[in-house]
N, C-alpha and C. Protein backbone atom coordinates (compact mmCIF):
# COMPACT_ATOMS: atom_id res chain seq x y z
N MET A 1 11.61 1.96 -15.94
CA MET A 1 12.80 3.36 -16.53
C MET A 1 12.43 4.03 -17.23
N ILE A 2 13.96 4.68 -17.30
CA ILE A 2 13.84 6.05 -18.22
C ILE A 2 14.85 4.68 -19.51
N GLU A 3 13.96 3.90 -20.81
CA GLU A 3 14.73 3.08 -21.24
C GLU A 3 15.15 4.72 -22.28
N SER A 4 15.87 5.92 -22.01
CA SER A 4 15.79 6.66 -23.27
C SER A 4 17.20 6.15 -23.66
N VAL A 5 18.00 5.84 -22.16
CA VAL A 5 20.11 5.20 -22.78
C VAL A 5 19.85 4.27 -22.13
N PRO A 6 21.34 4.11 -22.62
CA PRO A 6 21.64 2.78 -22.31
C PRO A 6 21.65 2.13 -21.30
N PHE A 7 22.05 2.55 -19.91
CA PHE A 7 21.93 2.61 -19.11
C PHE A 7 21.48 1.24 -17.98
N PRO A 8 22.14 1.00 -17.48
CA PRO A 8 21.54 -0.20 -16.16
C PRO A 8 20.62 0.37 -15.96
N ALA A 9 19.05 -0.41 -14.78
CA ALA A 9 18.47 -0.11 -14.27
C ALA A 9 18.54 0.90 -12.84
N PRO A 10 19.72 -0.12 -12.06
CA PRO A 10 20.01 1.63 -11.19
C PRO A 10 20.71 2.53 -11.38
N VAL A 11 21.70 2.70 -12.51
CA VAL A 11 22.03 4.13 -13.42
C VAL A 11 20.76 4.94 -13.41
N GLN A 12 20.37 4.18 -14.04
CA GLN A 12 18.50 4.97 -14.23
C GLN A 12 17.91 6.17 -13.62
N ALA A 13 18.08 4.53 -12.74
CA ALA A 13 16.95 5.08 -11.20
C ALA A 13 18.31 6.72 -10.44
N THR A 14 19.47 6.46 -10.26
CA THR A 14 20.29 7.34 -9.58
C THR A 14 20.51 8.48 -11.05
N LEU A 15 19.37 8.36 -11.54
CA LEU A 15 20.47 10.05 -12.61
C LEU A 15 19.03 9.80 -12.10
N LEU A 16 18.09 9.50 -12.24
CA LEU A 16 15.99 9.87 -11.88
C LEU A 16 16.37 11.54 -10.84
N VAL A 17 16.52 10.57 -9.56
CA VAL A 17 16.90 10.66 -8.37
C VAL A 17 17.68 12.15 -8.20
N GLY A 18 19.06 12.32 -9.81
CA GLY A 18 19.53 12.74 -9.37
C GLY A 18 18.81 14.74 -10.37
N VAL A 19 18.32 14.41 -11.00
CA VAL A 19 16.65 14.89 -11.82
C VAL A 19 15.94 16.15 -10.54
N ILE A 20 15.88 14.61 -9.94
CA ILE A 20 15.05 15.29 -9.50
C ILE A 20 15.35 16.65 -7.87
N LEU A 21 16.29 15.17 -7.65
CA LEU A 21 17.03 16.47 -7.17
C LEU A 21 17.71 18.30 -7.63
N VAL A 22 18.05 18.61 -8.66
CA VAL A 22 17.90 19.51 -9.68
C VAL A 22 17.51 19.91 -9.87
N GLN A 23 15.79 19.74 -9.85
CA GLN A 23 15.08 19.85 -9.75
C GLN A 23 14.14 21.91 -8.43
N ALA A 24 14.48 20.10 -7.67
CA ALA A 24 14.07 20.82 -6.42
C ALA A 24 14.90 22.05 -5.43
N VAL A 25 15.99 22.45 -6.40
CA VAL A 25 17.80 22.83 -5.22
C VAL A 25 16.66 23.95 -6.04
N ALA A 26 16.42 24.32 -7.89
CA ALA A 26 15.85 25.34 -8.40
C ALA A 26 14.96 25.77 -8.32
N LEU A 27 13.56 24.63 -7.88
CA LEU A 27 12.29 25.29 -6.93
C LEU A 27 12.99 26.14 -5.87
N TYR A 28 13.56 26.30 -4.47
CA TYR A 28 13.80 26.71 -3.41
C TYR A 28 14.69 28.21 -4.17
N VAL A 29 15.97 27.68 -5.34
CA VAL A 29 15.76 29.33 -5.27
C VAL A 29 15.80 29.85 -5.64
N GLY A 30 14.61 30.13 -6.97
CA GLY A 30 13.82 30.75 -7.90
C GLY A 30 12.50 30.55 -6.68
N TYR A 31 12.02 30.44 -6.29
CA TYR A 31 11.08 30.61 -5.21
C TYR A 31 11.12 31.55 -4.28
N GLY A 32 12.57 31.11 -3.53
CA GLY A 32 13.45 32.04 -2.70
C GLY A 32 13.95 33.82 -3.44
N VAL A 33 14.16 33.54 -4.29
CA VAL A 33 14.32 35.12 -5.39
C VAL A 33 13.42 35.69 -5.31
N LEU A 34 11.66 34.64 -6.02
CA LEU A 34 10.63 36.34 -5.88
C LEU A 34 10.75 36.54 -4.54
N GLU A 35 10.39 35.58 -3.22
CA GLU A 35 10.16 36.50 -2.70
C GLU A 35 10.51 37.95 -1.94
N ARG A 36 11.83 37.60 -2.70
CA ARG A 36 12.73 38.94 -2.27
C ARG A 36 12.63 39.66 -2.67
N VAL A 37 12.28 39.32 -4.57
CA VAL A 37 11.99 40.96 -5.39
C VAL A 37 10.17 41.38 -5.42
N ALA A 38 9.30 39.98 -4.51
CA ALA A 38 7.88 40.30 -4.46
C ALA A 38 7.39 41.10 -3.84
N MET A 39 7.90 40.64 -2.54
CA MET A 39 7.74 40.67 -1.15
C MET A 39 7.30 42.63 -0.52
N PRO A 40 8.55 43.16 -1.10
CA PRO A 40 8.58 45.07 -0.84
C PRO A 40 7.30 45.03 -2.10
N LEU A 41 6.70 44.21 -3.58
CA LEU A 41 5.99 45.22 -3.79
C LEU A 41 4.76 44.86 -3.48
N ILE A 42 4.76 43.62 -3.63
CA ILE A 42 3.78 43.23 -3.05
C ILE A 42 3.09 44.51 -1.11
N GLU A 43 4.44 44.50 -0.12
CA GLU A 43 3.68 45.35 0.95
C GLU A 43 3.85 47.01 0.54
N THR A 44 3.87 47.47 -0.35
CA THR A 44 4.06 48.24 -0.80
C THR A 44 2.78 48.74 -1.34
N ILE A 45 2.38 47.74 -1.32
CA ILE A 45 0.18 47.64 -2.88
C ILE A 45 -0.38 47.40 -2.05
N THR A 46 0.21 46.34 -0.41
CA THR A 46 -0.79 46.80 0.70
C THR A 46 -1.38 47.48 1.56
N ASP A 47 -0.10 48.42 1.85
CA ASP A 47 0.65 49.20 2.88
C ASP A 47 -0.38 50.85 1.84
N ALA A 48 -0.64 50.78 0.96
CA ALA A 48 -1.11 52.40 0.23
C ALA A 48 -1.89 53.14 0.74
């Protein structure tokens, strides 16, 4: 596991799962925002 912190292995595993979950949520929200911003621009370009 990650040996940069002096926590037991179960705590490290839980932290790793938490970090991955936060990354997944951030990507989900980020792509949602990107889709809302970019879709009108893409539709404008393709309809022109």
